[in-house]
N, C-alpha and C. Protein backbone atom coordinates (compact mmCIF):
# COMPACT_ATOMS: atom_id res chain seq x y z
N MET A 1 -16.28 -3.36 12.98
CA MET A 1 -15.48 -3.23 11.76
C MET A 1 -15.61 -1.81 11.22
N GLU A 2 -14.47 -1.22 10.93
CA GLU A 2 -14.50 0.15 10.40
C GLU A 2 -15.00 0.15 8.96
N GLU A 3 -15.69 1.20 8.59
CA GLU A 3 -16.22 1.35 7.24
C GLU A 3 -15.30 2.23 6.41
N PHE A 4 -14.89 1.69 5.27
CA PHE A 4 -14.03 2.41 4.35
C PHE A 4 -14.71 2.50 3.00
N ALA A 5 -14.48 3.59 2.31
CA ALA A 5 -14.95 3.75 0.93
C ALA A 5 -13.72 3.81 0.03
N PHE A 6 -13.73 3.01 -1.03
CA PHE A 6 -12.63 2.98 -1.99
C PHE A 6 -13.13 3.62 -3.27
N ILE A 7 -12.50 4.71 -3.66
CA ILE A 7 -13.01 5.53 -4.76
C ILE A 7 -11.89 5.95 -5.71
N THR A 8 -12.29 6.36 -6.90
CA THR A 8 -11.36 7.04 -7.80
C THR A 8 -11.57 8.54 -7.61
N LEU A 9 -10.59 9.30 -7.98
CA LEU A 9 -10.73 10.75 -7.87
C LEU A 9 -11.85 11.26 -8.79
N ARG A 10 -12.11 10.55 -9.87
CA ARG A 10 -13.23 10.94 -10.74
C ARG A 10 -14.57 10.77 -10.03
N ASP A 11 -14.63 9.85 -9.06
CA ASP A 11 -15.86 9.68 -8.27
C ASP A 11 -16.13 10.91 -7.40
N ARG A 12 -15.05 11.54 -6.92
CA ARG A 12 -15.17 12.68 -6.01
C ARG A 12 -14.14 13.76 -6.39
N PRO A 13 -14.30 14.41 -7.55
CA PRO A 13 -13.30 15.38 -8.01
C PRO A 13 -13.09 16.55 -7.06
N ALA A 14 -14.07 16.83 -6.21
CA ALA A 14 -13.91 17.93 -5.25
C ALA A 14 -12.78 17.65 -4.25
N LEU A 15 -12.33 16.40 -4.18
CA LEU A 15 -11.24 16.03 -3.27
C LEU A 15 -9.85 16.33 -3.84
N LYS A 16 -9.78 16.85 -5.06
CA LYS A 16 -8.49 17.02 -5.73
C LYS A 16 -7.47 17.78 -4.89
N GLU A 17 -7.81 18.95 -4.39
CA GLU A 17 -6.87 19.76 -3.60
C GLU A 17 -6.45 19.03 -2.32
N THR A 18 -7.43 18.45 -1.64
CA THR A 18 -7.16 17.71 -0.41
C THR A 18 -6.26 16.51 -0.70
N ALA A 19 -6.54 15.80 -1.78
CA ALA A 19 -5.75 14.62 -2.14
C ALA A 19 -4.32 15.02 -2.50
N ALA A 20 -4.16 16.08 -3.28
CA ALA A 20 -2.82 16.54 -3.66
C ALA A 20 -2.01 16.92 -2.42
N GLU A 21 -2.65 17.60 -1.49
CA GLU A 21 -1.97 17.97 -0.24
C GLU A 21 -1.64 16.73 0.59
N TRP A 22 -2.55 15.77 0.63
CA TRP A 22 -2.32 14.54 1.39
C TRP A 22 -1.12 13.79 0.82
N PHE A 23 -1.09 13.58 -0.51
CA PHE A 23 0.05 12.89 -1.11
C PHE A 23 1.35 13.66 -0.91
N HIS A 24 1.30 14.98 -1.06
CA HIS A 24 2.49 15.82 -0.83
C HIS A 24 3.02 15.62 0.59
N SER A 25 2.12 15.58 1.57
CA SER A 25 2.55 15.44 2.96
C SER A 25 3.20 14.08 3.23
N LYS A 26 2.88 13.07 2.43
CA LYS A 26 3.43 11.73 2.63
C LYS A 26 4.76 11.54 1.91
N TRP A 27 4.90 12.13 0.72
CA TRP A 27 6.04 11.84 -0.14
C TRP A 27 6.96 13.02 -0.39
N GLY A 28 6.53 14.25 -0.09
CA GLY A 28 7.38 15.41 -0.30
C GLY A 28 7.48 15.88 -1.74
N VAL A 29 6.80 15.19 -2.65
CA VAL A 29 6.74 15.65 -4.04
C VAL A 29 5.86 16.90 -4.06
N PRO A 30 6.26 17.92 -4.82
CA PRO A 30 5.46 19.16 -4.83
C PRO A 30 3.98 18.92 -5.12
N LYS A 31 3.16 19.61 -4.38
CA LYS A 31 1.71 19.50 -4.55
C LYS A 31 1.31 19.79 -6.00
N GLU A 32 2.02 20.72 -6.63
CA GLU A 32 1.70 21.10 -8.01
C GLU A 32 1.88 19.93 -8.97
N ALA A 33 2.85 19.06 -8.69
CA ALA A 33 3.06 17.89 -9.54
C ALA A 33 1.86 16.94 -9.44
N TYR A 34 1.37 16.75 -8.23
CA TYR A 34 0.18 15.91 -8.06
C TYR A 34 -1.02 16.55 -8.75
N LEU A 35 -1.19 17.86 -8.56
CA LEU A 35 -2.32 18.55 -9.17
C LEU A 35 -2.30 18.43 -10.69
N ALA A 36 -1.12 18.55 -11.30
CA ALA A 36 -1.01 18.44 -12.75
C ALA A 36 -1.45 17.06 -13.23
N CYS A 37 -1.00 16.01 -12.54
CA CYS A 37 -1.40 14.64 -12.90
C CYS A 37 -2.89 14.43 -12.67
N MET A 38 -3.39 14.93 -11.56
CA MET A 38 -4.80 14.78 -11.25
C MET A 38 -5.68 15.52 -12.24
N ASP A 39 -5.25 16.72 -12.65
CA ASP A 39 -6.00 17.48 -13.66
C ASP A 39 -6.08 16.72 -14.98
N SER A 40 -4.96 16.12 -15.40
CA SER A 40 -4.95 15.34 -16.65
C SER A 40 -5.94 14.19 -16.57
N TYR A 41 -6.02 13.55 -15.41
CA TYR A 41 -6.95 12.46 -15.20
C TYR A 41 -8.40 12.96 -15.18
N LEU A 42 -8.64 14.01 -14.41
CA LEU A 42 -10.01 14.54 -14.30
C LEU A 42 -10.51 15.12 -15.63
N ASN A 43 -9.60 15.62 -16.46
CA ASN A 43 -9.97 16.19 -17.76
C ASN A 43 -9.99 15.14 -18.87
N HIS A 44 -9.83 13.87 -18.50
CA HIS A 44 -9.85 12.75 -19.44
C HIS A 44 -8.75 12.84 -20.49
N GLU A 45 -7.61 13.48 -20.13
CA GLU A 45 -6.45 13.51 -21.02
C GLU A 45 -5.65 12.23 -20.87
N THR A 46 -5.85 11.51 -19.77
CA THR A 46 -5.21 10.23 -19.50
C THR A 46 -6.17 9.37 -18.69
N GLU A 47 -5.95 8.08 -18.76
CA GLU A 47 -6.70 7.15 -17.92
C GLU A 47 -5.87 6.72 -16.72
N TYR A 48 -4.69 7.30 -16.55
CA TYR A 48 -3.85 7.01 -15.39
C TYR A 48 -4.45 7.73 -14.20
N GLY A 49 -5.11 6.96 -13.34
CA GLY A 49 -5.97 7.53 -12.31
C GLY A 49 -5.34 7.70 -10.95
N TRP A 50 -6.18 8.18 -10.04
CA TRP A 50 -5.85 8.38 -8.62
C TRP A 50 -6.93 7.70 -7.80
N TYR A 51 -6.50 6.93 -6.81
CA TYR A 51 -7.37 6.04 -6.06
C TYR A 51 -7.21 6.32 -4.58
N LEU A 52 -8.34 6.41 -3.90
CA LEU A 52 -8.32 6.81 -2.49
C LEU A 52 -9.14 5.87 -1.63
N CYS A 53 -8.71 5.74 -0.38
CA CYS A 53 -9.50 5.07 0.64
C CYS A 53 -9.94 6.15 1.61
N MET A 54 -11.24 6.24 1.81
CA MET A 54 -11.82 7.24 2.69
C MET A 54 -12.36 6.56 3.95
N HIS A 55 -12.10 7.21 5.08
CA HIS A 55 -12.73 6.82 6.34
C HIS A 55 -13.51 8.05 6.75
N GLY A 56 -14.82 8.01 6.52
CA GLY A 56 -15.61 9.23 6.67
C GLY A 56 -15.18 10.21 5.59
N ASP A 57 -14.85 11.44 6.01
CA ASP A 57 -14.39 12.42 5.02
C ASP A 57 -12.87 12.58 5.02
N GLN A 58 -12.18 11.62 5.63
CA GLN A 58 -10.73 11.67 5.75
C GLN A 58 -10.07 10.67 4.79
N ILE A 59 -9.05 11.12 4.05
CA ILE A 59 -8.25 10.22 3.22
C ILE A 59 -7.31 9.47 4.15
N VAL A 60 -7.33 8.13 4.10
CA VAL A 60 -6.45 7.33 4.95
C VAL A 60 -5.52 6.44 4.13
N GLY A 61 -5.73 6.38 2.82
CA GLY A 61 -4.86 5.61 1.95
C GLY A 61 -5.04 6.09 0.52
N GLY A 62 -4.01 5.85 -0.27
CA GLY A 62 -4.13 6.26 -1.66
C GLY A 62 -2.96 5.82 -2.50
N MET A 63 -3.17 5.94 -3.82
CA MET A 63 -2.12 5.69 -4.79
C MET A 63 -2.54 6.30 -6.11
N GLY A 64 -1.56 6.46 -6.97
CA GLY A 64 -1.84 7.00 -8.29
C GLY A 64 -1.18 6.15 -9.36
N VAL A 65 -1.40 6.54 -10.60
CA VAL A 65 -0.76 5.89 -11.73
C VAL A 65 -0.19 7.00 -12.61
N ILE A 66 1.09 6.87 -12.92
CA ILE A 66 1.78 7.84 -13.77
C ILE A 66 2.59 7.10 -14.82
N GLU A 67 3.11 7.85 -15.78
CA GLU A 67 3.90 7.25 -16.85
C GLU A 67 5.15 6.56 -16.30
N ASN A 68 5.91 7.27 -15.46
CA ASN A 68 7.18 6.74 -14.95
C ASN A 68 7.39 7.26 -13.54
N ASP A 69 7.72 6.35 -12.62
CA ASP A 69 7.89 6.71 -11.22
C ASP A 69 9.37 6.96 -10.90
N PHE A 70 9.97 7.88 -11.64
CA PHE A 70 11.33 8.36 -11.37
C PHE A 70 12.39 7.27 -11.42
N HIS A 71 12.41 6.49 -12.51
CA HIS A 71 13.44 5.47 -12.70
C HIS A 71 13.88 5.43 -14.16
N ASP A 72 14.96 4.68 -14.42
CA ASP A 72 15.59 4.70 -15.74
C ASP A 72 14.93 3.82 -16.79
N ARG A 73 13.97 3.00 -16.43
CA ARG A 73 13.31 2.13 -17.40
C ARG A 73 12.03 2.78 -17.91
N LYS A 74 12.21 3.75 -18.79
CA LYS A 74 11.08 4.51 -19.33
C LYS A 74 10.15 3.63 -20.17
N ASP A 75 10.67 2.46 -20.61
CA ASP A 75 9.85 1.54 -21.41
C ASP A 75 8.85 0.75 -20.56
N LEU A 76 9.02 0.76 -19.25
CA LEU A 76 8.12 0.02 -18.36
C LEU A 76 7.08 1.00 -17.80
N SER A 77 5.93 1.01 -18.45
CA SER A 77 4.92 2.02 -18.15
C SER A 77 3.54 1.43 -18.37
N PRO A 78 2.53 1.91 -17.62
CA PRO A 78 2.54 2.93 -16.58
C PRO A 78 2.98 2.35 -15.22
N ASN A 79 3.18 3.26 -14.28
CA ASN A 79 3.65 2.88 -12.95
C ASN A 79 2.66 3.30 -11.88
N VAL A 80 2.33 2.37 -10.98
CA VAL A 80 1.62 2.73 -9.76
C VAL A 80 2.61 3.54 -8.92
N CYS A 81 2.15 4.62 -8.32
CA CYS A 81 3.04 5.48 -7.55
C CYS A 81 2.36 5.94 -6.26
N ALA A 82 3.16 6.49 -5.39
CA ALA A 82 2.68 7.17 -4.18
C ALA A 82 1.78 6.28 -3.31
N VAL A 83 2.08 4.99 -3.27
CA VAL A 83 1.30 4.05 -2.46
C VAL A 83 1.52 4.39 -0.98
N TYR A 84 0.42 4.68 -0.29
CA TYR A 84 0.56 5.04 1.12
C TYR A 84 -0.74 4.77 1.87
N THR A 85 -0.59 4.23 3.07
CA THR A 85 -1.70 4.09 4.01
C THR A 85 -1.25 4.71 5.32
N ASP A 86 -2.09 5.58 5.89
CA ASP A 86 -1.75 6.20 7.17
C ASP A 86 -1.46 5.11 8.20
N GLU A 87 -0.46 5.36 9.03
CA GLU A 87 0.03 4.36 9.97
C GLU A 87 -1.08 3.77 10.84
N ALA A 88 -1.98 4.59 11.30
CA ALA A 88 -3.06 4.11 12.18
C ALA A 88 -4.03 3.17 11.46
N TYR A 89 -3.97 3.14 10.14
CA TYR A 89 -4.91 2.33 9.35
C TYR A 89 -4.24 1.15 8.66
N ARG A 90 -2.99 0.90 8.95
CA ARG A 90 -2.28 -0.21 8.31
C ARG A 90 -2.76 -1.54 8.87
N CYS A 91 -2.49 -2.60 8.12
CA CYS A 91 -2.87 -3.98 8.48
C CYS A 91 -4.38 -4.18 8.50
N LYS A 92 -5.10 -3.41 7.70
CA LYS A 92 -6.55 -3.55 7.59
C LYS A 92 -6.96 -3.90 6.15
N GLY A 93 -5.97 -4.19 5.29
CA GLY A 93 -6.26 -4.56 3.91
C GLY A 93 -6.48 -3.39 2.97
N ILE A 94 -6.21 -2.19 3.42
CA ILE A 94 -6.48 -1.01 2.60
C ILE A 94 -5.61 -0.98 1.35
N ALA A 95 -4.31 -1.15 1.50
CA ALA A 95 -3.42 -1.10 0.33
C ALA A 95 -3.78 -2.19 -0.67
N GLY A 96 -4.09 -3.37 -0.19
CA GLY A 96 -4.47 -4.45 -1.07
C GLY A 96 -5.72 -4.14 -1.87
N ARG A 97 -6.71 -3.58 -1.19
CA ARG A 97 -7.96 -3.20 -1.89
C ARG A 97 -7.69 -2.11 -2.91
N LEU A 98 -6.85 -1.14 -2.55
CA LEU A 98 -6.51 -0.06 -3.50
C LEU A 98 -5.75 -0.61 -4.70
N LEU A 99 -4.81 -1.52 -4.46
CA LEU A 99 -4.07 -2.13 -5.57
C LEU A 99 -5.02 -2.88 -6.49
N ASP A 100 -5.96 -3.64 -5.93
CA ASP A 100 -6.93 -4.36 -6.75
C ASP A 100 -7.81 -3.40 -7.55
N LEU A 101 -8.27 -2.35 -6.90
CA LEU A 101 -9.09 -1.35 -7.57
C LEU A 101 -8.33 -0.73 -8.74
N THR A 102 -7.08 -0.39 -8.50
CA THR A 102 -6.26 0.25 -9.52
C THR A 102 -6.05 -0.68 -10.71
N VAL A 103 -5.61 -1.91 -10.44
CA VAL A 103 -5.34 -2.87 -11.52
C VAL A 103 -6.62 -3.16 -12.30
N CYS A 104 -7.73 -3.37 -11.62
CA CYS A 104 -9.00 -3.67 -12.30
C CYS A 104 -9.47 -2.49 -13.15
N ASP A 105 -9.33 -1.28 -12.62
CA ASP A 105 -9.73 -0.09 -13.36
C ASP A 105 -8.90 0.04 -14.63
N LEU A 106 -7.60 -0.13 -14.51
CA LEU A 106 -6.73 -0.01 -15.68
C LEU A 106 -7.02 -1.12 -16.70
N LYS A 107 -7.19 -2.35 -16.22
CA LYS A 107 -7.48 -3.47 -17.13
C LYS A 107 -8.79 -3.22 -17.88
N SER A 108 -9.78 -2.63 -17.20
CA SER A 108 -11.07 -2.36 -17.86
C SER A 108 -10.92 -1.36 -19.00
N LYS A 109 -9.82 -0.63 -18.99
CA LYS A 109 -9.53 0.36 -20.04
C LYS A 109 -8.47 -0.16 -21.02
N GLY A 110 -8.13 -1.45 -20.89
CA GLY A 110 -7.15 -2.05 -21.79
C GLY A 110 -5.71 -1.73 -21.46
N ILE A 111 -5.47 -1.23 -20.25
CA ILE A 111 -4.11 -0.85 -19.85
C ILE A 111 -3.54 -1.96 -18.98
N THR A 112 -2.65 -2.73 -19.56
CA THR A 112 -1.97 -3.82 -18.87
C THR A 112 -0.75 -4.21 -19.69
N PRO A 113 0.36 -4.58 -19.10
CA PRO A 113 0.60 -4.70 -17.67
C PRO A 113 0.83 -3.34 -17.01
N VAL A 114 0.95 -3.39 -15.68
CA VAL A 114 1.22 -2.21 -14.86
C VAL A 114 2.47 -2.52 -14.04
N TYR A 115 3.26 -1.49 -13.73
CA TYR A 115 4.51 -1.67 -13.01
C TYR A 115 4.52 -0.84 -11.73
N LEU A 116 5.42 -1.19 -10.83
CA LEU A 116 5.68 -0.33 -9.67
C LEU A 116 7.08 -0.59 -9.15
N VAL A 117 7.65 0.44 -8.53
CA VAL A 117 8.97 0.31 -7.89
C VAL A 117 8.78 0.38 -6.39
N THR A 118 9.57 -0.43 -5.68
CA THR A 118 9.45 -0.50 -4.23
C THR A 118 10.70 -1.12 -3.62
N ASP A 119 10.90 -0.85 -2.36
CA ASP A 119 11.94 -1.53 -1.60
C ASP A 119 11.36 -2.69 -0.80
N HIS A 120 10.04 -2.82 -0.79
CA HIS A 120 9.38 -3.89 -0.03
C HIS A 120 9.56 -5.23 -0.72
N ILE A 121 9.77 -6.25 0.06
CA ILE A 121 9.85 -7.62 -0.44
C ILE A 121 8.76 -8.42 0.28
N GLY A 122 7.91 -9.09 -0.49
CA GLY A 122 6.89 -9.93 0.09
C GLY A 122 5.51 -9.30 0.18
N PHE A 123 5.42 -7.99 0.17
CA PHE A 123 4.12 -7.33 0.31
C PHE A 123 3.30 -7.41 -0.98
N TYR A 124 3.87 -6.93 -2.07
CA TYR A 124 3.11 -6.84 -3.32
C TYR A 124 2.79 -8.22 -3.91
N GLU A 125 3.63 -9.20 -3.63
CA GLU A 125 3.38 -10.55 -4.13
C GLU A 125 2.03 -11.07 -3.66
N ARG A 126 1.59 -10.65 -2.48
CA ARG A 126 0.29 -11.09 -1.94
C ARG A 126 -0.88 -10.65 -2.81
N TYR A 127 -0.64 -9.64 -3.64
CA TYR A 127 -1.71 -9.06 -4.45
C TYR A 127 -1.51 -9.31 -5.94
N GLY A 128 -0.74 -10.35 -6.28
CA GLY A 128 -0.60 -10.75 -7.67
C GLY A 128 0.53 -10.07 -8.43
N TRP A 129 1.36 -9.30 -7.75
CA TRP A 129 2.49 -8.66 -8.40
C TRP A 129 3.67 -9.62 -8.41
N GLN A 130 4.49 -9.52 -9.46
CA GLN A 130 5.66 -10.37 -9.58
C GLN A 130 6.90 -9.50 -9.73
N PHE A 131 7.99 -9.91 -9.06
CA PHE A 131 9.26 -9.21 -9.24
C PHE A 131 9.67 -9.34 -10.70
N LEU A 132 10.10 -8.23 -11.31
CA LEU A 132 10.50 -8.22 -12.71
C LEU A 132 12.00 -8.03 -12.87
N CYS A 133 12.53 -6.97 -12.26
CA CYS A 133 13.95 -6.65 -12.43
C CYS A 133 14.33 -5.54 -11.45
N MET A 134 15.60 -5.22 -11.45
CA MET A 134 16.08 -4.08 -10.67
C MET A 134 16.17 -2.88 -11.61
N VAL A 135 15.84 -1.70 -11.09
CA VAL A 135 15.93 -0.46 -11.88
C VAL A 135 16.69 0.58 -11.08
N GLN A 136 17.19 1.56 -11.79
CA GLN A 136 17.93 2.65 -11.16
C GLN A 136 16.99 3.84 -10.98
N GLY A 137 16.76 4.22 -9.73
CA GLY A 137 15.93 5.38 -9.46
C GLY A 137 16.68 6.66 -9.79
N ASP A 138 15.97 7.66 -10.28
CA ASP A 138 16.58 8.94 -10.60
C ASP A 138 17.28 9.51 -9.37
N GLY A 139 18.59 9.72 -9.47
CA GLY A 139 19.35 10.31 -8.38
C GLY A 139 19.56 9.40 -7.18
N GLU A 140 19.22 8.12 -7.30
CA GLU A 140 19.35 7.18 -6.20
C GLU A 140 20.65 6.38 -6.36
N PRO A 141 21.40 6.20 -5.27
CA PRO A 141 22.65 5.44 -5.38
C PRO A 141 22.43 3.93 -5.51
N GLU A 142 21.35 3.42 -4.94
CA GLU A 142 21.07 1.98 -4.94
C GLU A 142 20.00 1.65 -5.98
N MET A 143 20.08 0.44 -6.49
CA MET A 143 19.03 -0.05 -7.38
C MET A 143 17.79 -0.36 -6.54
N THR A 144 16.63 -0.36 -7.18
CA THR A 144 15.39 -0.68 -6.48
C THR A 144 14.61 -1.71 -7.28
N ARG A 145 13.67 -2.36 -6.62
CA ARG A 145 12.91 -3.46 -7.21
C ARG A 145 11.76 -2.96 -8.07
N MET A 146 11.62 -3.58 -9.26
CA MET A 146 10.51 -3.29 -10.16
C MET A 146 9.60 -4.51 -10.18
N TYR A 147 8.31 -4.27 -9.99
CA TYR A 147 7.31 -5.33 -10.02
C TYR A 147 6.37 -5.10 -11.22
N ILE A 148 5.75 -6.19 -11.65
CA ILE A 148 4.80 -6.14 -12.75
C ILE A 148 3.50 -6.84 -12.34
N HIS A 149 2.38 -6.31 -12.82
CA HIS A 149 1.08 -6.99 -12.67
C HIS A 149 0.50 -7.12 -14.05
N ARG A 150 0.28 -8.36 -14.47
CA ARG A 150 -0.24 -8.62 -15.82
C ARG A 150 -1.74 -8.79 -15.79
């Protein structure tokens, strides 16, 4: 069985640059945008955190929490964002563990409910998320699914 460590960026702040580059490489969002959000979290300006799965010293999965994940429902906040597990590490429960870590961390700080947007059907339901409504993504022609975790 492979050994994974599930951490917050506050647990290992030295990973900030590496994590920002990792998320940028997965989603194409500018590294500077990730760094700005991560700095706000590390400086305790927000409790919207960044969560990582480590295999040794390598990031193999991660997600963050931001105010709004580029959609028109600004009232549905905060949003889990940038959910990603490297392909070679999928189907090992990593995303589920990260989702649980994220929701538990936020709840411990009184932040609930939490939202996320996705095109996946059936995946998030396994981890206690419920379909809420359709939302319009910024600049997207199609509507996308909004989920809630209470």
